[in-house]
Amino acid sequence: MVKTNNIKDNLVIEYEDYRDNRSILIINIKGIIDSLNFFEFKKAVEEIISHNYKKILFNCQELNNVSSTGVGVFLSIYKVLKEQKGDMILLSIKPQVYNIFHTLGFSKLLKFRNNPTSALSELSI
């Protein structure tokens, strides 16, 4: 069952368990993450993953832009998941958005994938 959270006018997240597997969560991000909504985005994702999710697939196909504060949120979530022996993957990220992660030096730390099947297989291990 897909659940929706309207963060602000320019950001919506939809999330659901992967095939009723409570250990993997798929979060679809639509819009932009910037200095006006990053805190609400972080709070919403932390609330979702507090329900014992350790593996997150962020579908970024409709993420149109991210500011440095938004990148910081992904890094924060990554650290929380790593402490819980979890993992996360950013899927189908647009080149211009990936360039922001790369410029800030996080393209080698975070996992970026373009194939949903292989990304989900990687998280299923």
PDB file of N, CA and C in Angstrom:
ATOM      1  N   MET A   1       0.836  -1.181   0.000  1.00  0.00           N
ATOM      2  CA  MET A   1       0.000   0.000   0.000  1.00  0.00           C
ATOM      3  C   MET A   1       0.886   1.252   0.000  1.00  0.00           C
ATOM      4  N   VAL A   2       0.689   2.103  -0.958  1.00  0.00           N
ATOM      5  CA  VAL A   2       1.477   3.329  -1.087  1.00  0.00           C
ATOM      6  C   VAL A   2       0.901   4.388  -0.155  1.00  0.00           C
ATOM      7  N   LYS A   3       1.798   5.015   0.620  1.00  0.00           N
ATOM      8  CA  LYS A   3       1.414   6.117   1.496  1.00  0.00           C
ATOM      9  C   LYS A   3       2.074   7.375   0.951  1.00  0.00           C
ATOM     10  N   THR A   4       1.383   8.500   1.079  1.00  0.00           N
ATOM     11  CA  THR A   4       1.879   9.762   0.538  1.00  0.00           C
ATOM     12  C   THR A   4       2.040  10.778   1.657  1.00  0.00           C
ATOM     13  N   ASN A   5       3.136  11.551   1.552  1.00  0.00           N
ATOM     14  CA  ASN A   5       3.382  12.637   2.491  1.00  0.00           C
ATOM     15  C   ASN A   5       3.730  13.877   1.673  1.00  0.00           C
ATOM     16  N   ASN A   6       2.854  14.878   1.720  1.00  0.00           N
ATOM     17  CA  ASN A   6       3.117  16.154   1.051  1.00  0.00           C
ATOM     18  C   ASN A   6       3.962  16.999   1.995  1.00  0.00           C
ATOM     19  N   ILE A   7       5.257  17.077   1.717  1.00  0.00           N
ATOM     20  CA  ILE A   7       6.169  17.790   2.592  1.00  0.00           C
ATOM     21  C   ILE A   7       5.892  19.290   2.532  1.00  0.00           C
ATOM     22  N   LYS A   8       5.922  19.835   1.362  1.00  0.00           N
ATOM     23  CA  LYS A   8       5.566  21.240   1.092  1.00  0.00           C
ATOM     24  C   LYS A   8       5.088  21.278  -0.355  1.00  0.00           C
ATOM     25  N   ASP A   9       4.769  22.462  -0.826  1.00  0.00           N
ATOM     26  CA  ASP A   9       4.223  22.595  -2.180  1.00  0.00           C
ATOM     27  C   ASP A   9       5.117  21.988  -3.251  1.00  0.00           C
ATOM     28  N   ASN A  10       6.428  22.016  -3.038  1.00  0.00           N
ATOM     29  CA  ASN A  10       7.347  21.573  -4.087  1.00  0.00           C
ATOM     30  C   ASN A  10       7.987  20.214  -3.798  1.00  0.00           C
ATOM     31  N   LEU A  11       7.458  19.455  -2.820  1.00  0.00           N
ATOM     32  CA  LEU A  11       8.042  18.155  -2.497  1.00  0.00           C
ATOM     33  C   LEU A  11       6.987  17.195  -1.963  1.00  0.00           C
ATOM     34  N   VAL A  12       6.946  16.019  -2.583  1.00  0.00           N
ATOM     35  CA  VAL A  12       6.047  14.948  -2.160  1.00  0.00           C
ATOM     36  C   VAL A  12       6.869  13.666  -2.078  1.00  0.00           C
ATOM     37  N   ILE A  13       6.638  12.873  -1.034  1.00  0.00           N
ATOM     38  CA  ILE A  13       7.237  11.547  -0.990  1.00  0.00           C
ATOM     39  C   ILE A  13       6.117  10.516  -0.895  1.00  0.00           C
ATOM     40  N   GLU A  14       6.306   9.431  -1.615  1.00  0.00           N
ATOM     41  CA  GLU A  14       5.411   8.279  -1.545  1.00  0.00           C
ATOM     42  C   GLU A  14       6.270   7.106  -1.106  1.00  0.00           C
ATOM     43  N   TYR A  15       5.749   6.273  -0.242  1.00  0.00           N
ATOM     44  CA  TYR A  15       6.554   5.167   0.251  1.00  0.00           C
ATOM     45  C   TYR A  15       5.711   3.913   0.445  1.00  0.00           C
ATOM     46  N   GLU A  16       6.385   2.785   0.286  1.00  0.00           N
ATOM     47  CA  GLU A  16       5.734   1.492   0.446  1.00  0.00           C
ATOM     48  C   GLU A  16       6.776   0.416   0.696  1.00  0.00           C
ATOM     49  N   ASP A  17       6.340  -0.653   1.355  1.00  0.00           N
ATOM     50  CA  ASP A  17       7.198  -1.814   1.539  1.00  0.00           C
ATOM     51  C   ASP A  17       7.430  -2.477   0.186  1.00  0.00           C
ATOM     52  N   TYR A  18       8.618  -3.019   0.013  1.00  0.00           N
ATOM     53  CA  TYR A  18       8.910  -3.766  -1.207  1.00  0.00           C
ATOM     54  C   TYR A  18       8.332  -5.169  -1.064  1.00  0.00           C
ATOM     55  N   ARG A  19       7.316  -5.471  -1.852  1.00  0.00           N
ATOM     56  CA  ARG A  19       6.676  -6.791  -1.842  1.00  0.00           C
ATOM     57  C   ARG A  19       6.343  -7.268  -0.426  1.00  0.00           C
ATOM     58  N   ASP A  20       5.807  -6.378   0.368  1.00  0.00           N
ATOM     59  CA  ASP A  20       5.451  -6.679   1.756  1.00  0.00           C
ATOM     60  C   ASP A  20       6.643  -7.138   2.579  1.00  0.00           C
ATOM     61  N   ASN A  21       7.847  -6.802   2.132  1.00  0.00           N
ATOM     62  CA  ASN A  21       9.069  -7.108   2.874  1.00  0.00           C
ATOM     63  C   ASN A  21       9.350  -5.913   3.771  1.00  0.00           C
ATOM     64  N   ARG A  22       9.086  -6.056   5.067  1.00  0.00           N
ATOM     65  CA  ARG A  22       9.211  -4.932   5.989  1.00  0.00           C
ATOM     66  C   ARG A  22      10.640  -4.459   6.200  1.00  0.00           C
ATOM     67  N   SER A  23      11.609  -5.152   5.641  1.00  0.00           N
ATOM     68  CA  SER A  23      12.990  -4.675   5.830  1.00  0.00           C
ATOM     69  C   SER A  23      13.430  -3.722   4.727  1.00  0.00           C
ATOM     70  N   ILE A  24      12.736  -3.720   3.598  1.00  0.00           N
ATOM     71  CA  ILE A  24      13.086  -2.828   2.489  1.00  0.00           C
ATOM     72  C   ILE A  24      11.926  -1.870   2.234  1.00  0.00           C
ATOM     73  N   LEU A  25      12.279  -0.586   2.200  1.00  0.00           N
ATOM     74  CA  LEU A  25      11.283   0.438   1.938  1.00  0.00           C
ATOM     75  C   LEU A  25      11.659   1.186   0.671  1.00  0.00           C
ATOM     76  N   ILE A  26      10.676   1.417  -0.179  1.00  0.00           N
ATOM     77  CA  ILE A  26      10.873   2.228  -1.382  1.00  0.00           C
ATOM     78  C   ILE A  26      10.251   3.597  -1.126  1.00  0.00           C
ATOM     79  N   ILE A  27      11.066   4.643  -1.298  1.00  0.00           N
ATOM     80  CA  ILE A  27      10.588   6.018  -1.137  1.00  0.00           C
ATOM     81  C   ILE A  27      10.745   6.729  -2.474  1.00  0.00           C
ATOM     82  N   ASN A  28       9.623   7.129  -3.048  1.00  0.00           N
ATOM     83  CA  ASN A  28       9.618   7.899  -4.294  1.00  0.00           C
ATOM     84  C   ASN A  28       9.624   9.379  -3.938  1.00  0.00           C
ATOM     85  N   ILE A  29      10.580  10.108  -4.495  1.00  0.00           N
ATOM     86  CA  ILE A  29      10.715  11.536  -4.208  1.00  0.00           C
ATOM     87  C   ILE A  29      10.299  12.320  -5.448  1.00  0.00           C
ATOM     88  N   LYS A  30       9.376  13.263  -5.259  1.00  0.00           N
ATOM     89  CA  LYS A  30       8.881  14.072  -6.375  1.00  0.00           C
ATOM     90  C   LYS A  30       9.023  15.547  -6.030  1.00  0.00           C
ATOM     91  N   GLY A  31       9.814  16.256  -6.824  1.00  0.00           N
ATOM     92  CA  GLY A  31       9.978  17.684  -6.609  1.00  0.00           C
ATOM     93  C   GLY A  31      11.413  18.065  -6.346  1.00  0.00           C
ATOM     94  N   ILE A  32      11.605  19.001  -5.415  1.00  0.00           N
ATOM     95  CA  ILE A  32      12.950  19.466  -5.081  1.00  0.00           C
ATOM     96  C   ILE A  32      13.150  19.410  -3.563  1.00  0.00           C
ATOM     97  N   ILE A  33      14.398  19.208  -3.164  1.00  0.00           N
ATOM     98  CA  ILE A  33      14.768  19.286  -1.747  1.00  0.00           C
ATOM     99  C   ILE A  33      15.710  20.470  -1.629  1.00  0.00           C
ATOM    100  N   ASP A  34      15.285  21.485  -0.868  1.00  0.00           N
ATOM    101  CA  ASP A  34      16.079  22.700  -0.758  1.00  0.00           C
ATOM    102  C   ASP A  34      16.081  23.204   0.675  1.00  0.00           C
ATOM    103  N   SER A  35      16.605  24.406   0.872  1.00  0.00           N
ATOM    104  CA  SER A  35      16.722  24.965   2.220  1.00  0.00           C
ATOM    105  C   SER A  35      15.367  25.288   2.836  1.00  0.00           C
ATOM    106  N   LEU A  36      14.314  25.326   2.034  1.00  0.00           N
ATOM    107  CA  LEU A  36      12.981  25.623   2.559  1.00  0.00           C
ATOM    108  C   LEU A  36      12.244  24.385   3.059  1.00  0.00           C
ATOM    109  N   ASN A  37      12.670  23.193   2.612  1.00  0.00           N
ATOM    110  CA  ASN A  37      11.931  21.991   2.999  1.00  0.00           C
ATOM    111  C   ASN A  37      12.807  20.843   3.503  1.00  0.00           C
ATOM    112  N   PHE A  38      14.119  21.027   3.553  1.00  0.00           N
ATOM    113  CA  PHE A  38      14.994  19.909   3.909  1.00  0.00           C
ATOM    114  C   PHE A  38      14.702  19.368   5.300  1.00  0.00           C
ATOM    115  N   PHE A  39      14.382  20.269   6.253  1.00  0.00           N
ATOM    116  CA  PHE A  39      14.136  19.808   7.616  1.00  0.00           C
ATOM    117  C   PHE A  39      12.884  18.938   7.675  1.00  0.00           C
ATOM    118  N   GLU A  40      11.830  19.342   7.000  1.00  0.00           N
ATOM    119  CA  GLU A  40      10.595  18.562   6.976  1.00  0.00           C
ATOM    120  C   GLU A  40      10.821  17.226   6.264  1.00  0.00           C
ATOM    121  N   PHE A  41      11.617  17.233   5.187  1.00  0.00           N
ATOM    122  CA  PHE A  41      11.948  15.994   4.481  1.00  0.00           C
ATOM    123  C   PHE A  41      12.700  15.042   5.418  1.00  0.00           C
ATOM    124  N   LYS A  42      13.703  15.556   6.102  1.00  0.00           N
ATOM    125  CA  LYS A  42      14.495  14.742   7.028  1.00  0.00           C
ATOM    126  C   LYS A  42      13.613  14.165   8.124  1.00  0.00           C
ATOM    127  N   LYS A  43      12.794  15.002   8.707  1.00  0.00           N
ATOM    128  CA  LYS A  43      11.902  14.572   9.783  1.00  0.00           C
ATOM    129  C   LYS A  43      10.939  13.480   9.297  1.00  0.00           C
ATOM    130  N   ALA A  44      10.374  13.651   8.111  1.00  0.00           N
ATOM    131  CA  ALA A  44       9.436  12.666   7.558  1.00  0.00           C
ATOM    132  C   ALA A  44      10.128  11.331   7.308  1.00  0.00           C
ATOM    133  N   VAL A  45      11.320  11.358   6.719  1.00  0.00           N
ATOM    134  CA  VAL A  45      12.032  10.107   6.424  1.00  0.00           C
ATOM    135  C   VAL A  45      12.478   9.438   7.723  1.00  0.00           C
ATOM    136  N   GLU A  46      12.979  10.212   8.676  1.00  0.00           N
ATOM    137  CA  GLU A  46      13.386   9.619   9.954  1.00  0.00           C
ATOM    138  C   GLU A  46      12.206   8.972  10.663  1.00  0.00           C
ATOM    139  N   GLU A  47      11.037   9.597  10.586  1.00  0.00           N
ATOM    140  CA  GLU A  47       9.835   9.010  11.193  1.00  0.00           C
ATOM    141  C   GLU A  47       9.484   7.687  10.515  1.00  0.00           C
ATOM    142  N   ILE A  48       9.570   7.661   9.202  1.00  0.00           N
ATOM    143  CA  ILE A  48       9.252   6.434   8.463  1.00  0.00           C
ATOM    144  C   ILE A  48      10.233   5.325   8.824  1.00  0.00           C
ATOM    145  N   ILE A  49      11.532   5.622   8.801  1.00  0.00           N
ATOM    146  CA  ILE A  49      12.519   4.557   9.038  1.00  0.00           C
ATOM    147  C   ILE A  49      12.592   4.160  10.509  1.00  0.00           C
ATOM    148  N   SER A  50      12.004   4.956  11.395  1.00  0.00           N
ATOM    149  CA  SER A  50      11.997   4.586  12.816  1.00  0.00           C
ATOM    150  C   SER A  50      11.138   3.344  13.068  1.00  0.00           C
ATOM    151  N   HIS A  51      10.353   2.947  12.078  1.00  0.00           N
ATOM    152  CA  HIS A  51       9.516   1.754  12.186  1.00  0.00           C
ATOM    153  C   HIS A  51      10.281   0.509  11.761  1.00  0.00           C
ATOM    154  N   ASN A  52      11.555   0.484  12.095  1.00  0.00           N
ATOM    155  CA  ASN A  52      12.432  -0.679  11.920  1.00  0.00           C
ATOM    156  C   ASN A  52      12.807  -0.959  10.462  1.00  0.00           C
ATOM    157  N   TYR A  53      12.847   0.062   9.645  1.00  0.00           N
ATOM    158  CA  TYR A  53      13.353  -0.113   8.282  1.00  0.00           C
ATOM    159  C   TYR A  53      14.861   0.088   8.304  1.00  0.00           C
ATOM    160  N   LYS A  54      15.568  -0.826   7.670  1.00  0.00           N
ATOM    161  CA  LYS A  54      17.030  -0.731   7.634  1.00  0.00           C
ATOM    162  C   LYS A  54      17.577  -0.589   6.224  1.00  0.00           C
ATOM    163  N   LYS A  55      16.738  -0.830   5.236  1.00  0.00           N
ATOM    164  CA  LYS A  55      17.173  -0.741   3.841  1.00  0.00           C
ATOM    165  C   LYS A  55      16.185   0.123   3.076  1.00  0.00           C
ATOM    166  N   ILE A  56      16.721   1.191   2.471  1.00  0.00           N
ATOM    167  CA  ILE A  56      15.877   2.168   1.789  1.00  0.00           C
ATOM    168  C   ILE A  56      16.319   2.311   0.334  1.00  0.00           C
ATOM    169  N   LEU A  57      15.356   2.245  -0.558  1.00  0.00           N
ATOM    170  CA  LEU A  57      15.590   2.549  -1.965  1.00  0.00           C
ATOM    171  C   LEU A  57      14.891   3.876  -2.239  1.00  0.00           C
ATOM    172  N   PHE A  58      15.677   4.925  -2.447  1.00  0.00           N
ATOM    173  CA  PHE A  58      15.128   6.226  -2.801  1.00  0.00           C
ATOM    174  C   PHE A  58      15.008   6.281  -4.317  1.00  0.00           C
ATOM    175  N   ASN A  59      13.776   6.284  -4.818  1.00  0.00           N
ATOM    176  CA  ASN A  59      13.554   6.439  -6.250  1.00  0.00           C
ATOM    177  C   ASN A  59      13.583   7.932  -6.549  1.00  0.00           C
ATOM    178  N   CYS A  60      14.649   8.369  -7.206  1.00  0.00           N
ATOM    179  CA  CYS A  60      14.884   9.803  -7.459  1.00  0.00           C
ATOM    180  C   CYS A  60      14.537  10.215  -8.879  1.00  0.00           C
ATOM    181  N   GLN A  61      13.780   9.386  -9.575  1.00  0.00           N
ATOM    182  CA  GLN A  61      13.450   9.666 -10.969  1.00  0.00           C
ATOM    183  C   GLN A  61      12.751  11.015 -11.129  1.00  0.00           C
ATOM    184  N   GLU A  62      11.949  11.400 -10.134  1.00  0.00           N
ATOM    185  CA  GLU A  62      11.225  12.669 -10.218  1.00  0.00           C
ATOM    186  C   GLU A  62      11.774  13.723  -9.254  1.00  0.00           C
ATOM    187  N   LEU A  63      12.993  13.487  -8.755  1.00  0.00           N
ATOM    188  CA  LEU A  63      13.686  14.500  -7.959  1.00  0.00           C
ATOM    189  C   LEU A  63      14.339  15.462  -8.940  1.00  0.00           C
ATOM    190  N   ASN A  64      13.848  16.677  -8.997  1.00  0.00           N
ATOM    191  CA  ASN A  64      14.294  17.631 -10.018  1.00  0.00           C
ATOM    192  C   ASN A  64      15.504  18.456  -9.612  1.00  0.00           C
ATOM    193  N   ASN A  65      15.717  18.622  -8.307  1.00  0.00           N
ATOM    194  CA  ASN A  65      16.861  19.386  -7.837  1.00  0.00           C
ATOM    195  C   ASN A  65      17.060  19.101  -6.361  1.00  0.00           C
ATOM    196  N   VAL A  66      18.292  19.275  -5.909  1.00  0.00           N
ATOM    197  CA  VAL A  66      18.609  19.118  -4.496  1.00  0.00           C
ATOM    198  C   VAL A  66      19.680  20.148  -4.154  1.00  0.00           C
ATOM    199  N   SER A  67      19.490  20.822  -3.023  1.00  0.00           N
ATOM    200  CA  SER A  67      20.488  21.792  -2.571  1.00  0.00           C
ATOM    201  C   SER A  67      21.517  21.072  -1.709  1.00  0.00           C
ATOM    202  N   SER A  68      22.549  21.779  -1.296  1.00  0.00           N
ATOM    203  CA  SER A  68      23.558  21.162  -0.436  1.00  0.00           C
ATOM    204  C   SER A  68      22.951  20.727   0.891  1.00  0.00           C
ATOM    205  N   THR A  69      21.957  21.443   1.381  1.00  0.00           N
ATOM    206  CA  THR A  69      21.297  21.012   2.618  1.00  0.00           C
ATOM    207  C   THR A  69      20.520  19.719   2.394  1.00  0.00           C
ATOM    208  N   GLY A  70      19.948  19.565   1.219  1.00  0.00           N
ATOM    209  CA  GLY A  70      19.256  18.317   0.877  1.00  0.00           C
ATOM    210  C   GLY A  70      20.219  17.152   0.796  1.00  0.00           C
ATOM    211  N   VAL A  71      21.388  17.381   0.213  1.00  0.00           N
ATOM    212  CA  VAL A  71      22.424  16.342   0.158  1.00  0.00           C
ATOM    213  C   VAL A  71      22.816  15.950   1.584  1.00  0.00           C
ATOM    214  N   GLY A  72      22.897  16.943   2.456  1.00  0.00           N
ATOM    215  CA  GLY A  72      23.217  16.671   3.857  1.00  0.00           C
ATOM    216  C   GLY A  72      22.196  15.769   4.524  1.00  0.00           C
ATOM    217  N   VAL A  73      20.936  15.896   4.149  1.00  0.00           N
ATOM    218  CA  VAL A  73      19.899  15.021   4.696  1.00  0.00           C
ATOM    219  C   VAL A  73      20.158  13.575   4.282  1.00  0.00           C
ATOM    220  N   PHE A  74      20.484  13.360   3.014  1.00  0.00           N
ATOM    221  CA  PHE A  74      20.780  11.993   2.562  1.00  0.00           C
ATOM    222  C   PHE A  74      21.975  11.418   3.318  1.00  0.00           C
ATOM    223  N   LEU A  75      22.973  12.238   3.551  1.00  0.00           N
ATOM    224  CA  LEU A  75      24.147  11.789   4.302  1.00  0.00           C
ATOM    225  C   LEU A  75      23.759  11.429   5.731  1.00  0.00           C
ATOM    226  N   SER A  76      22.929  12.224   6.348  1.00  0.00           N
ATOM    227  CA  SER A  76      22.455  11.958   7.706  1.00  0.00           C
ATOM    228  C   SER A  76      21.681  10.641   7.775  1.00  0.00           C
ATOM    229  N   ILE A  77      20.805  10.410   6.812  1.00  0.00           N
ATOM    230  CA  ILE A  77      20.028   9.168   6.763  1.00  0.00           C
ATOM    231  C   ILE A  77      20.953   7.979   6.539  1.00  0.00           C
ATOM    232  N   TYR A  78      21.941   8.155   5.663  1.00  0.00           N
ATOM    233  CA  TYR A  78      22.931   7.110   5.405  1.00  0.00           C
ATOM    234  C   TYR A  78      23.637   6.709   6.704  1.00  0.00           C
ATOM    235  N   LYS A  79      24.040   7.694   7.486  1.00  0.00           N
ATOM    236  CA  LYS A  79      24.745   7.417   8.742  1.00  0.00           C
ATOM    237  C   LYS A  79      23.850   6.664   9.724  1.00  0.00           C
ATOM    238  N   VAL A  80      22.595   7.071   9.826  1.00  0.00           N
ATOM    239  CA  VAL A  80      21.649   6.380  10.714  1.00  0.00           C
ATOM    240  C   VAL A  80      21.492   4.924  10.289  1.00  0.00           C
ATOM    241  N   LEU A  81      21.316   4.703   8.999  1.00  0.00           N
ATOM    242  CA  LEU A  81      21.137   3.338   8.500  1.00  0.00           C
ATOM    243  C   LEU A  81      22.390   2.497   8.711  1.00  0.00           C
ATOM    244  N   LYS A  82      23.562   3.070   8.488  1.00  0.00           N
ATOM    245  CA  LYS A  82      24.820   2.336   8.687  1.00  0.00           C
ATOM    246  C   LYS A  82      24.992   1.930  10.146  1.00  0.00           C
ATOM    247  N   GLU A  83      24.613   2.806  11.068  1.00  0.00           N
ATOM    248  CA  GLU A  83      24.689   2.482  12.495  1.00  0.00           C
ATOM    249  C   GLU A  83      23.789   1.301  12.844  1.00  0.00           C
ATOM    250  N   GLN A  84      22.709   1.131  12.081  1.00  0.00           N
ATOM    251  CA  GLN A  84      21.768   0.032  12.296  1.00  0.00           C
ATOM    252  C   GLN A  84      22.098  -1.165  11.400  1.00  0.00           C
ATOM    253  N   LYS A  85      23.283  -1.139  10.800  1.00  0.00           N
ATOM    254  CA  LYS A  85      23.706  -2.180   9.850  1.00  0.00           C
ATOM    255  C   LYS A  85      22.756  -2.274   8.650  1.00  0.00           C
ATOM    256  N   GLY A  86      22.276  -1.106   8.225  1.00  0.00           N
ATOM    257  CA  GLY A  86      21.389  -1.025   7.087  1.00  0.00           C
ATOM    258  C   GLY A  86      22.100  -0.458   5.874  1.00  0.00           C
ATOM    259  N   ASP A  87      21.314  -0.083   4.872  1.00  0.00           N
ATOM    260  CA  ASP A  87      21.885   0.427   3.629  1.00  0.00           C
ATOM    261  C   ASP A  87      20.837   1.249   2.899  1.00  0.00           C
ATOM    262  N   MET A  88      21.281   2.026   1.941  1.00  0.00           N
ATOM    263  CA  MET A  88      20.371   2.795   1.090  1.00  0.00           C
ATOM    264  C   MET A  88      20.977   2.958  -0.293  1.00  0.00           C
ATOM    265  N   ILE A  89      20.102   3.101  -1.270  1.00  0.00           N
ATOM    266  CA  ILE A  89      20.504   3.315  -2.662  1.00  0.00           C
ATOM    267  C   ILE A  89      19.651   4.442  -3.230  1.00  0.00           C
ATOM    268  N   LEU A  90      20.273   5.321  -3.998  1.00  0.00           N
ATOM    269  CA  LEU A  90      19.548   6.346  -4.736  1.00  0.00           C
ATOM    270  C   LEU A  90      19.403   5.851  -6.170  1.00  0.00           C
ATOM    271  N   LEU A  91      18.172   5.700  -6.611  1.00  0.00           N
ATOM    272  CA  LEU A  91      17.853   5.091  -7.898  1.00  0.00           C
ATOM    273  C   LEU A  91      17.420   6.149  -8.908  1.00  0.00           C
ATOM    274  N   SER A  92      17.883   5.975 -10.137  1.00  0.00           N
ATOM    275  CA  SER A  92      17.432   6.772 -11.285  1.00  0.00           C
ATOM    276  C   SER A  92      17.547   8.277 -11.063  1.00  0.00           C
ATOM    277  N   ILE A  93      18.677   8.690 -10.544  1.00  0.00           N
ATOM    278  CA  ILE A  93      18.889  10.106 -10.274  1.00  0.00           C
ATOM    279  C   ILE A  93      19.271  10.824 -11.571  1.00  0.00           C
ATOM    280  N   LYS A  94      18.723  11.988 -11.784  1.00  0.00           N
ATOM    281  CA  LYS A  94      19.001  12.762 -12.995  1.00  0.00           C
ATOM    282  C   LYS A  94      20.448  13.244 -12.983  1.00  0.00           C
ATOM    283  N   PRO A  95      21.069  13.346 -14.152  1.00  0.00           N
ATOM    284  CA  PRO A  95      22.479  13.757 -14.218  1.00  0.00           C
ATOM    285  C   PRO A  95      22.772  15.080 -13.508  1.00  0.00           C
ATOM    286  N   GLN A  96      21.901  16.069 -13.671  1.00  0.00           N
ATOM    287  CA  GLN A  96      22.155  17.364 -13.042  1.00  0.00           C
ATOM    288  C   GLN A  96      22.066  17.273 -11.520  1.00  0.00           C
ATOM    289  N   VAL A  97      21.246  16.366 -11.003  1.00  0.00           N
ATOM    290  CA  VAL A  97      21.142  16.167  -9.557  1.00  0.00           C
ATOM    291  C   VAL A  97      22.357  15.376  -9.065  1.00  0.00           C
ATOM    292  N   TYR A  98      22.744  14.349  -9.827  1.00  0.00           N
ATOM    293  CA  TYR A  98      23.942  13.576  -9.468  1.00  0.00           C
ATOM    294  C   TYR A  98      25.168  14.491  -9.398  1.00  0.00           C
ATOM    295  N   ASN A  99      25.264  15.434 -10.309  1.00  0.00           N
ATOM    296  CA  ASN A  99      26.409  16.354 -10.328  1.00  0.00           C
ATOM    297  C   ASN A  99      26.539  17.139  -9.025  1.00  0.00           C
ATOM    298  N   ILE A 100      25.429  17.431  -8.379  1.00  0.00           N
ATOM    299  CA  ILE A 100      25.476  18.134  -7.092  1.00  0.00           C
ATOM    300  C   ILE A 100      26.111  17.238  -6.034  1.00  0.00           C
ATOM    301  N   PHE A 101      25.689  15.969  -5.975  1.00  0.00           N
ATOM    302  CA  PHE A 101      26.301  15.019  -5.043  1.00  0.00           C
ATOM    303  C   PHE A 101      27.791  14.868  -5.334  1.00  0.00           C
ATOM    304  N   HIS A 102      28.123  14.782  -6.614  1.00  0.00           N
ATOM    305  CA  HIS A 102      29.518  14.605  -7.023  1.00  0.00           C
ATOM    306  C   HIS A 102      30.368  15.828  -6.641  1.00  0.00           C
ATOM    307  N   THR A 103      29.861  17.009  -6.935  1.00  0.00           N
ATOM    308  CA  THR A 103      30.589  18.238  -6.632  1.00  0.00           C
ATOM    309  C   THR A 103      30.853  18.373  -5.130  1.00  0.00           C
ATOM    310  N   LEU A 104      29.894  17.923  -4.317  1.00  0.00           N
ATOM    311  CA  LEU A 104      30.043  18.012  -2.860  1.00  0.00           C
ATOM    312  C   LEU A 104      30.868  16.860  -2.282  1.00  0.00           C
ATOM    313  N   GLY A 105      31.263  15.913  -3.143  1.00  0.00           N
ATOM    314  CA  GLY A 105      32.145  14.831  -2.706  1.00  0.00           C
ATOM    315  C   GLY A 105      31.456  13.599  -2.161  1.00  0.00           C
ATOM    316  N   PHE A 106      30.156  13.449  -2.399  1.00  0.00           N
ATOM    317  CA  PHE A 106      29.431  12.306  -1.845  1.00  0.00           C
ATOM    318  C   PHE A 106      29.114  11.214  -2.864  1.00  0.00           C
ATOM    319  N   SER A 107      29.583  11.373  -4.086  1.00  0.00           N
ATOM    320  CA  SER A 107      29.260  10.370  -5.110  1.00  0.00           C
ATOM    321  C   SER A 107      29.989   9.051  -4.884  1.00  0.00           C
ATOM    322  N   LYS A 108      31.050   9.052  -4.109  1.00  0.00           N
ATOM    323  CA  LYS A 108      31.765   7.800  -3.824  1.00  0.00           C
ATOM    324  C   LYS A 108      31.274   7.152  -2.529  1.00  0.00           C
ATOM    325  N   LEU A 109      30.662   7.930  -1.657  1.00  0.00           N
ATOM    326  CA  LEU A 109      30.166   7.406  -0.387  1.00  0.00           C
ATOM    327  C   LEU A 109      28.782   6.773  -0.527  1.00  0.00           C
ATOM    328  N   LEU A 110      27.892   7.461  -1.219  1.00  0.00           N
ATOM    329  CA  LEU A 110      26.531   6.974  -1.397  1.00  0.00           C
ATOM    330  C   LEU A 110      26.443   6.091  -2.639  1.00  0.00           C
ATOM    331  N   LYS A 111      25.458   5.196  -2.655  1.00  0.00           N
ATOM    332  CA  LYS A 111      25.275   4.285  -3.792  1.00  0.00           C
ATOM    333  C   LYS A 111      24.226   4.855  -4.745  1.00  0.00           C
ATOM    334  N   PHE A 112      24.575   4.905  -6.017  1.00  0.00           N
ATOM    335  CA  PHE A 112      23.687   5.372  -7.070  1.00  0.00           C
ATOM    336  C   PHE A 112      23.514   4.246  -8.079  1.00  0.00           C
ATOM    337  N   ARG A 113      22.296   3.921  -8.410  1.00  0.00           N
ATOM    338  CA  ARG A 113      22.018   2.869  -9.382  1.00  0.00           C
ATOM    339  C   ARG A 113      20.948   3.355 -10.355  1.00  0.00           C
ATOM    340  N   ASN A 114      20.963   2.759 -11.560  1.00  0.00           N
ATOM    341  CA  ASN A 114      19.949   3.100 -12.563  1.00  0.00           C
ATOM    342  C   ASN A 114      18.974   1.966 -12.826  1.00  0.00           C
ATOM    343  N   ASN A 115      19.318   0.761 -12.425  1.00  0.00           N
ATOM    344  CA  ASN A 115      18.473  -0.403 -12.677  1.00  0.00           C
ATOM    345  C   ASN A 115      17.739  -0.800 -11.396  1.00  0.00           C
ATOM    346  N   PRO A 116      16.401  -0.677 -11.376  1.00  0.00           N
ATOM    347  CA  PRO A 116      15.663  -0.985 -10.146  1.00  0.00           C
ATOM    348  C   PRO A 116      15.777  -2.445  -9.708  1.00  0.00           C
ATOM    349  N   THR A 117      15.818  -3.364 -10.663  1.00  0.00           N
ATOM    350  CA  THR A 117      15.902  -4.782 -10.317  1.00  0.00           C
ATOM    351  C   THR A 117      17.211  -5.093  -9.605  1.00  0.00           C
ATOM    352  N   SER A 118      18.315  -4.608 -10.149  1.00  0.00           N
ATOM    353  CA  SER A 118      19.605  -4.889  -9.519  1.00  0.00           C
ATOM    354  C   SER A 118      19.748  -4.135  -8.198  1.00  0.00           C
ATOM    355  N   ALA A 119      19.174  -2.929  -8.092  1.00  0.00           N
ATOM    356  CA  ALA A 119      19.224  -2.177  -6.838  1.00  0.00           C
ATOM    357  C   ALA A 119      18.473  -2.920  -5.747  1.00  0.00           C
ATOM    358  N   LEU A 120      17.292  -3.431  -6.067  1.00  0.00           N
ATOM    359  CA  LEU A 120      16.511  -4.177  -5.071  1.00  0.00           C
ATOM    360  C   LEU A 120      17.203  -5.481  -4.714  1.00  0.00           C
ATOM    361  N   SER A 121      17.830  -6.134  -5.688  1.00  0.00           N
ATOM    362  CA  SER A 121      18.587  -7.351  -5.405  1.00  0.00           C
ATOM    363  C   SER A 121      19.750  -7.049  -4.461  1.00  0.00           C
ATOM    364  N   GLU A 122      20.408  -5.953  -4.687  1.00  0.00           N
ATOM    365  CA  GLU A 122      21.536  -5.549  -3.837  1.00  0.00           C
ATOM    366  C   GLU A 122      21.074  -5.299  -2.403  1.00  0.00           C
ATOM    367  N   LEU A 123      19.912  -4.681  -2.244  1.00  0.00           N
ATOM    368  CA  LEU A 123      19.394  -4.427  -0.906  1.00  0.00           C
ATOM    369  C   LEU A 123      18.861  -5.696  -0.235  1.00  0.00           C
ATOM    370  N   SER A 124      18.470  -6.669  -1.039  1.00  0.00           N
ATOM    371  CA  SER A 124      17.913  -7.915  -0.494  1.00  0.00           C
ATOM    372  C   SER A 124      18.947  -8.835   0.117  1.00  0.00           C
ATOM    373  N   ILE A 125      20.220  -8.565  -0.151  1.00  0.00           N
ATOM    374  CA  ILE A 125      21.292  -9.438   0.357  1.00  0.00           C
ATOM    375  C   ILE A 125      21.402  -9.302   1.845  1.00  0.00           C
TER     376      ILE A 125
END
